[in-house]
Structures are given as structure tokens and as C-alpha cells.
PDB file of N, CA and C in Angstrom:
ATOM      1  N   MET A   1      96.335-109.916  11.602  1.00  0.00           N
ATOM      2  CA  MET A   1      96.768-108.232  10.459  1.00  0.00           C
ATOM      3  C   MET A   1      96.457-108.960   8.596  1.00  0.00           C
ATOM      4  N   ALA A   2      96.074-110.046   8.825  1.00  0.00           N
ATOM      5  CA  ALA A   2      96.254-110.946   7.535  1.00  0.00           C
ATOM      6  C   ALA A   2      95.223-110.349   6.636  1.00  0.00           C
ATOM      7  N   HIS A   3      93.563-109.855   7.201  1.00  0.00           N
ATOM      8  CA  HIS A   3      92.534-109.163   6.465  1.00  0.00           C
ATOM      9  C   HIS A   3      93.172-107.787   6.056  1.00  0.00           C
ATOM     10  N   LEU A   4      93.969-107.276   6.432  1.00  0.00           N
ATOM     11  CA  LEU A   4      94.277-105.841   5.814  1.00  0.00           C
ATOM     12  C   LEU A   4      95.471-106.078   4.132  1.00  0.00           C
ATOM     13  N   ARG A   5      95.879-107.126   3.861  1.00  0.00           N
ATOM     14  CA  ARG A   5      96.806-107.619   2.911  1.00  0.00           C
ATOM     15  C   ARG A   5      95.623-107.881   1.842  1.00  0.00           C
ATOM     16  N   LEU A   6      94.494-108.813   2.431  1.00  0.00           N
ATOM     17  CA  LEU A   6      93.403-109.234   1.126  1.00  0.00           C
ATOM     18  C   LEU A   6      92.177-108.292   0.739  1.00  0.00           C
ATOM     19  N   ARG A   7      92.432-107.184   1.460  1.00  0.00           N
ATOM     20  CA  ARG A   7      91.611-106.186   1.472  1.00  0.00           C
ATOM     21  C   ARG A   7      91.742-104.828   1.382  1.00  0.00           C
ATOM     22  N   PRO A   8      93.152-104.812   0.240  1.00  0.00           N
ATOM     23  CA  PRO A   8      93.300-103.064   0.399  1.00  0.00           C
ATOM     24  C   PRO A   8      92.747-102.116  -0.416  1.00  0.00           C
ATOM     25  N   ALA A   9      91.645-102.692  -1.139  1.00  0.00           N
ATOM     26  CA  ALA A   9      91.184-101.903  -1.882  1.00  0.00           C
ATOM     27  C   ALA A   9      89.624-101.603  -0.601  1.00  0.00           C
ATOM     28  N   ILE A  10      89.023-101.866   0.569  1.00  0.00           N
ATOM     29  CA  ILE A  10      88.793-101.884   1.320  1.00  0.00           C
ATOM     30  C   ILE A  10      89.318-100.928   2.367  1.00  0.00           C
ATOM     31  N   ILE A  11      90.420-101.232   2.719  1.00  0.00           N
ATOM     32  CA  ILE A  11      91.187-100.843   3.359  1.00  0.00           C
ATOM     33  C   ILE A  11      91.583 -99.008   3.426  1.00  0.00           C
ATOM     34  N   ARG A  12      91.785 -98.919   1.926  1.00  0.00           N
ATOM     35  CA  ARG A  12      92.313 -97.235   1.546  1.00  0.00           C
ATOM     36  C   ARG A  12      90.726 -96.747   1.966  1.00  0.00           C
ATOM     37  N   PRO A  13      89.840 -96.448   1.315  1.00  0.00           N
ATOM     38  CA  PRO A  13      88.906 -96.052   1.726  1.00  0.00           C
ATOM     39  C   PRO A  13      88.193 -95.549   3.141  1.00  0.00           C
ATOM     40  N   ARG A  14      88.945 -96.927   3.683  1.00  0.00           N
ATOM     41  CA  ARG A  14      88.321 -96.680   5.007  1.00  0.00           C
ATOM     42  C   ARG A  14      89.242 -95.376   5.710  1.00  0.00           C
ATOM     43  N   MET A  15      90.801 -95.311   5.357  1.00  0.00           N
ATOM     44  CA  MET A  15      91.588 -94.353   5.737  1.00  0.00           C
ATOM     45  C   MET A  15      90.933 -93.326   5.884  1.00  0.00           C
ATOM     46  N   VAL A  16      90.740 -93.008   3.934  1.00  0.00           N
ATOM     47  CA  VAL A  16      90.469 -91.726   3.930  1.00  0.00           C
ATOM     48  C   VAL A  16      89.204 -91.572   4.573  1.00  0.00           C
ATOM     49  N   ASN A  17      88.039 -92.439   4.457  1.00  0.00           N
ATOM     50  CA  ASN A  17      86.769 -91.342   5.667  1.00  0.00           C
ATOM     51  C   ASN A  17      87.167 -91.481   6.572  1.00  0.00           C
ATOM     52  N   VAL A  18      88.388 -92.429   7.457  1.00  0.00           N
ATOM     53  CA  VAL A  18      88.896 -91.558   8.712  1.00  0.00           C
ATOM     54  C   VAL A  18      89.275 -90.014   8.833  1.00  0.00           C
ATOM     55  N   PHE A  19      90.191 -90.091   7.648  1.00  0.00           N
ATOM     56  CA  PHE A  19      90.520 -88.897   7.996  1.00  0.00           C
ATOM     57  C   PHE A  19      89.451 -87.715   7.445  1.00  0.00           C
ATOM     58  N   THR A  20      88.412 -87.843   6.609  1.00  0.00           N
ATOM     59  CA  THR A  20      87.602 -87.073   6.277  1.00  0.00           C
ATOM     60  C   THR A  20      86.612 -86.754   7.692  1.00  0.00           C
ATOM     61  N   ASP A  21      86.581 -87.814   8.569  1.00  0.00           N
ATOM     62  CA  ASP A  21      85.370 -87.760   9.550  1.00  0.00           C
ATOM     63  C   ASP A  21      86.594 -86.750  10.676  1.00  0.00           C
ATOM     64  N   SER A  22      87.995 -87.093  10.404  1.00  0.00           N
ATOM     65  CA  SER A  22      88.270 -86.472  11.789  1.00  0.00           C
ATOM     66  C   SER A  22      88.547 -84.796  10.874  1.00  0.00           C
ATOM     67  N   ALA A  23      88.622 -84.563   9.656  1.00  0.00           N
ATOM     68  CA  ALA A  23      88.851 -83.095   9.459  1.00  0.00           C
ATOM     69  C   ALA A  23      86.740 -82.649  10.050  1.00  0.00           C
ATOM     70  N   THR A  24      86.480 -83.479   9.916  1.00  0.00           N
ATOM     71  CA  THR A  24      84.894 -82.740  10.005  1.00  0.00           C
ATOM     72  C   THR A  24      85.055 -82.665  10.861  1.00  0.00           C
ATOM     73  N   SER A  25      85.717 -82.973  12.203  1.00  0.00           N
ATOM     74  CA  SER A  25      84.566 -83.237  13.427  1.00  0.00           C
ATOM     75  C   SER A  25      85.669 -82.132  13.888  1.00  0.00           C
ATOM     76  N   ASP A  26      87.357 -81.812  13.343  1.00  0.00           N
ATOM     77  CA  ASP A  26      87.283 -80.932  13.463  1.00  0.00           C
ATOM     78  C   ASP A  26      86.831 -79.285  13.741  1.00  0.00           C
ATOM     79  N   ALA A  27      86.183 -78.848  12.550  1.00  0.00           N
ATOM     80  CA  ALA A  27      85.260 -78.327  11.269  1.00  0.00           C
ATOM     81  C   ALA A  27      84.419 -78.313  12.148  1.00  0.00           C
ATOM     82  N   GLN A  28      83.463 -79.046  13.204  1.00  0.00           N
ATOM     83  CA  GLN A  28      82.606 -78.544  13.783  1.00  0.00           C
ATOM     84  C   GLN A  28      82.803 -78.421  15.206  1.00  0.00           C
ATOM     85  N   ASN A  29      83.874 -78.766  15.721  1.00  0.00           N
ATOM     86  CA  ASN A  29      84.496 -78.611  16.837  1.00  0.00           C
ATOM     87  C   ASN A  29      84.510 -76.790  16.895  1.00  0.00           C
ATOM     88  N   LEU A  30      85.339 -76.341  15.710  1.00  0.00           N
ATOM     89  CA  LEU A  30      84.922 -74.957  15.558  1.00  0.00           C
ATOM     90  C   LEU A  30      84.177 -74.352  15.799  1.00  0.00           C
ATOM     91  N   VAL A  31      82.894 -74.569  15.103  1.00  0.00           N
ATOM     92  CA  VAL A  31      81.798 -73.865  14.996  1.00  0.00           C
ATOM     93  C   VAL A  31      80.624 -74.226  16.251  1.00  0.00           C
ATOM     94  N   HIS A  32      81.310 -75.518  16.800  1.00  0.00           N
ATOM     95  CA  HIS A  32      80.457 -76.202  17.963  1.00  0.00           C
ATOM     96  C   HIS A  32      81.362 -76.220  19.600  1.00  0.00           C
ATOM     97  N   PRO A  33      81.764 -75.377  19.755  1.00  0.00           N
ATOM     98  CA  PRO A  33      82.827 -75.664  20.867  1.00  0.00           C
ATOM     99  C   PRO A  33      82.483 -76.895  21.546  1.00  0.00           C
ATOM    100  N   PRO A  34      83.281 -78.301  21.933  1.00  0.00           N
ATOM    101  CA  PRO A  34      82.799 -79.097  23.110  1.00  0.00           C
ATOM    102  C   PRO A  34      82.414 -78.471  24.735  1.00  0.00           C
TER     103      PRO A  34
END
């Protein structure tokens, strides 16, 4: 977990991207149900 402390500027955008990807997937599932 040490790399998380060394690269906070990189980890934060990744967390935002994960959240955005999740929201996008939810929206796509509403339009195109699995």
C-alpha cells in the first residue's frame, strides 16, 4: 500500500475515473439492459 502514499495525485484521478465509469455503466444498463 506504500505506493498509494507516494502517488496521491495519480490515485485521486483513478478514483474519480472509477466513479465515473461506474455511473456510465449504470446509465448504459438503463438504456441497454443486460
